[in-house]
N, C-alpha and C. Protein backbone atom coordinates (compact mmCIF):
# COMPACT_ATOMS: atom_id res chain seq x y z
N MET A 1 84.57 60.45 33.09
CA MET A 1 84.14 61.11 31.88
C MET A 1 85.32 61.89 31.31
N LYS A 2 85.52 61.82 30.01
CA LYS A 2 86.61 62.51 29.36
C LYS A 2 86.32 64.00 29.27
N ALA A 3 87.40 64.78 29.17
CA ALA A 3 87.24 66.21 28.99
C ALA A 3 86.56 66.46 27.66
N GLY A 4 85.59 67.34 27.64
CA GLY A 4 84.87 67.67 26.43
C GLY A 4 83.69 66.75 26.13
N ALA A 5 83.54 65.69 26.91
CA ALA A 5 82.42 64.77 26.70
C ALA A 5 81.16 65.37 27.30
N ARG A 6 80.02 65.14 26.66
CA ARG A 6 78.75 65.67 27.14
C ARG A 6 78.07 64.68 28.05
N ALA A 7 77.61 65.16 29.14
CA ALA A 7 76.81 64.32 30.04
C ALA A 7 75.37 64.30 29.53
N ASP A 8 74.75 63.15 29.62
CA ASP A 8 73.35 63.06 29.21
C ASP A 8 72.48 63.72 30.27
N GLY A 9 71.33 64.18 29.84
CA GLY A 9 70.40 64.80 30.77
C GLY A 9 69.95 66.15 30.25
N PRO A 10 69.07 66.78 30.98
CA PRO A 10 68.54 68.08 30.55
C PRO A 10 69.62 69.16 30.57
N ARG A 11 69.52 70.10 29.65
CA ARG A 11 70.49 71.18 29.52
C ARG A 11 69.76 72.51 29.42
N LEU A 12 70.47 73.59 29.77
CA LEU A 12 69.95 74.96 29.67
C LEU A 12 70.86 75.77 28.77
N LYS A 13 70.28 76.69 28.02
CA LYS A 13 71.07 77.68 27.30
C LYS A 13 70.95 78.99 28.06
N VAL A 14 72.09 79.53 28.47
CA VAL A 14 72.12 80.76 29.26
C VAL A 14 72.89 81.81 28.47
N ARG A 15 72.31 83.01 28.33
CA ARG A 15 72.95 84.11 27.60
C ARG A 15 73.21 85.27 28.54
N GLN A 16 74.39 85.87 28.42
CA GLN A 16 74.69 87.07 29.18
C GLN A 16 74.11 88.26 28.45
N VAL A 17 73.29 89.06 29.15
CA VAL A 17 72.62 90.19 28.51
C VAL A 17 73.13 91.54 29.00
N ARG A 18 73.85 91.57 30.13
CA ARG A 18 74.42 92.81 30.63
C ARG A 18 75.84 92.56 31.11
N SER A 19 76.61 93.62 31.13
CA SER A 19 78.00 93.53 31.56
C SER A 19 78.10 93.40 33.08
N GLY A 20 79.15 92.76 33.53
CA GLY A 20 79.39 92.62 34.96
C GLY A 20 80.33 93.68 35.51
N ILE A 21 80.58 94.75 34.75
CA ILE A 21 81.56 95.76 35.14
C ILE A 21 81.21 96.41 36.48
N CYS A 22 80.00 96.82 36.70
CA CYS A 22 79.64 97.53 37.93
C CYS A 22 79.10 96.60 39.02
N CYS A 23 79.31 95.33 38.86
CA CYS A 23 78.82 94.36 39.84
C CYS A 23 79.91 94.05 40.86
N ASN A 24 79.49 93.48 41.98
CA ASN A 24 80.48 93.12 42.98
C ASN A 24 81.25 91.88 42.55
N MET A 25 82.32 91.57 43.27
CA MET A 25 83.22 90.49 42.89
C MET A 25 82.53 89.12 42.90
N ARG A 26 81.59 88.94 43.80
CA ARG A 26 80.89 87.66 43.87
C ARG A 26 80.05 87.42 42.61
N GLN A 27 79.38 88.45 42.11
CA GLN A 27 78.59 88.33 40.89
C GLN A 27 79.49 88.11 39.68
N LYS A 28 80.64 88.79 39.63
CA LYS A 28 81.59 88.57 38.54
C LYS A 28 82.12 87.15 38.57
N ALA A 29 82.39 86.63 39.76
CA ALA A 29 82.87 85.26 39.88
C ALA A 29 81.82 84.26 39.41
N THR A 30 80.56 84.55 39.68
CA THR A 30 79.47 83.68 39.22
C THR A 30 79.40 83.67 37.70
N LEU A 31 79.55 84.83 37.08
CA LEU A 31 79.57 84.90 35.62
C LEU A 31 80.71 84.05 35.06
N ARG A 32 81.89 84.18 35.64
CA ARG A 32 83.03 83.40 35.16
C ARG A 32 82.81 81.92 35.37
N ALA A 33 82.21 81.54 36.49
CA ALA A 33 81.96 80.12 36.76
C ALA A 33 80.97 79.53 35.76
N LEU A 34 80.06 80.35 35.26
CA LEU A 34 79.11 79.90 34.25
C LEU A 34 79.73 79.90 32.85
N GLY A 35 80.93 80.45 32.73
CA GLY A 35 81.59 80.50 31.42
C GLY A 35 81.18 81.70 30.60
N LEU A 36 80.62 82.71 31.26
CA LEU A 36 80.16 83.92 30.57
C LEU A 36 81.07 85.08 30.95
N GLU A 37 81.65 85.73 29.95
CA GLU A 37 82.52 86.87 30.23
C GLU A 37 82.23 88.07 29.34
N LYS A 38 81.51 87.82 28.24
CA LYS A 38 81.19 88.91 27.31
C LYS A 38 79.69 88.93 27.06
N VAL A 39 79.15 90.12 26.86
CA VAL A 39 77.72 90.28 26.59
C VAL A 39 77.39 89.56 25.28
N GLY A 40 76.31 88.81 25.30
CA GLY A 40 75.87 88.10 24.12
C GLY A 40 76.36 86.66 24.05
N ARG A 41 77.29 86.28 24.89
CA ARG A 41 77.81 84.93 24.87
C ARG A 41 76.76 83.96 25.40
N VAL A 42 76.65 82.80 24.77
CA VAL A 42 75.67 81.79 25.16
C VAL A 42 76.42 80.52 25.54
N ARG A 43 76.02 79.90 26.64
CA ARG A 43 76.60 78.65 27.09
C ARG A 43 75.49 77.64 27.30
N THR A 44 75.77 76.39 26.95
CA THR A 44 74.85 75.30 27.22
C THR A 44 75.36 74.59 28.46
N LEU A 45 74.56 74.59 29.51
CA LEU A 45 74.96 74.07 30.81
C LEU A 45 73.98 73.00 31.27
N PRO A 46 74.43 72.11 32.16
CA PRO A 46 73.51 71.09 32.68
C PRO A 46 72.41 71.74 33.52
N ASP A 47 71.22 71.22 33.41
CA ASP A 47 70.09 71.74 34.17
C ASP A 47 70.05 71.03 35.52
N ASN A 48 70.76 71.59 36.49
CA ASN A 48 70.78 71.03 37.84
C ASN A 48 70.60 72.14 38.86
N PRO A 49 70.38 71.81 40.12
CA PRO A 49 70.12 72.85 41.13
C PRO A 49 71.27 73.84 41.29
N GLN A 50 72.51 73.41 41.10
CA GLN A 50 73.65 74.30 41.27
C GLN A 50 73.66 75.39 40.19
N VAL A 51 73.44 75.00 38.95
CA VAL A 51 73.43 75.98 37.86
C VAL A 51 72.21 76.89 37.99
N ARG A 52 71.07 76.33 38.34
CA ARG A 52 69.86 77.15 38.53
C ARG A 52 70.09 78.20 39.61
N ALA A 53 70.76 77.83 40.70
CA ALA A 53 71.03 78.78 41.79
C ALA A 53 71.98 79.88 41.33
N MET A 54 72.97 79.52 40.53
CA MET A 54 73.90 80.53 40.02
C MET A 54 73.19 81.52 39.11
N VAL A 55 72.31 81.02 38.25
CA VAL A 55 71.54 81.90 37.37
C VAL A 55 70.60 82.78 38.19
N ALA A 56 69.99 82.22 39.22
CA ALA A 56 69.08 82.99 40.07
C ALA A 56 69.81 84.07 40.87
N ALA A 57 71.11 83.90 41.10
CA ALA A 57 71.88 84.88 41.86
C ALA A 57 72.20 86.12 41.03
N ILE A 58 72.14 86.00 39.70
CA ILE A 58 72.47 87.14 38.83
C ILE A 58 71.41 87.31 37.73
N PRO A 59 70.13 87.41 38.10
CA PRO A 59 69.08 87.48 37.07
C PRO A 59 69.13 88.75 36.23
N HIS A 60 69.75 89.80 36.75
CA HIS A 60 69.84 91.05 36.02
C HIS A 60 70.95 91.02 34.95
N LEU A 61 71.78 89.98 34.96
CA LEU A 61 72.88 89.88 34.02
C LEU A 61 72.70 88.81 32.95
N VAL A 62 71.86 87.81 33.26
CA VAL A 62 71.71 86.67 32.34
C VAL A 62 70.24 86.37 32.10
N GLU A 63 70.00 85.57 31.05
CA GLU A 63 68.66 85.07 30.79
C GLU A 63 68.78 83.64 30.28
N ILE A 64 67.76 82.85 30.55
CA ILE A 64 67.70 81.51 29.99
C ILE A 64 67.05 81.63 28.64
N VAL A 65 67.79 81.25 27.60
CA VAL A 65 67.32 81.43 26.24
C VAL A 65 66.24 80.42 25.91
N GLU A 66 66.56 79.15 26.07
CA GLU A 66 65.61 78.08 25.78
C GLU A 66 66.23 76.80 26.33
N PRO A 67 65.44 75.84 26.65
CA PRO A 67 66.03 74.57 27.05
C PRO A 67 66.78 73.96 25.85
N ALA A 68 68.00 73.55 26.08
CA ALA A 68 68.78 72.94 25.01
C ALA A 68 68.27 71.53 24.75
N GLU A 69 68.47 71.07 23.54
CA GLU A 69 68.00 69.73 23.17
C GLU A 69 69.09 68.71 23.29
């Protein structure tokens, strides 16, 4: 798959709602791995068990906005 190409399949929209400033390094690393670094930023990510687990690890910092189309 080429860089920037979209994989087919279900997607999630994830928004960062709180800052990671007072969080531990592991939670900050999870935010960065999801592509979230600033409050209010939204990323469309594949809906797979790995992404779901990352979101579940930091529920106080992010929210699932809506399933992407």
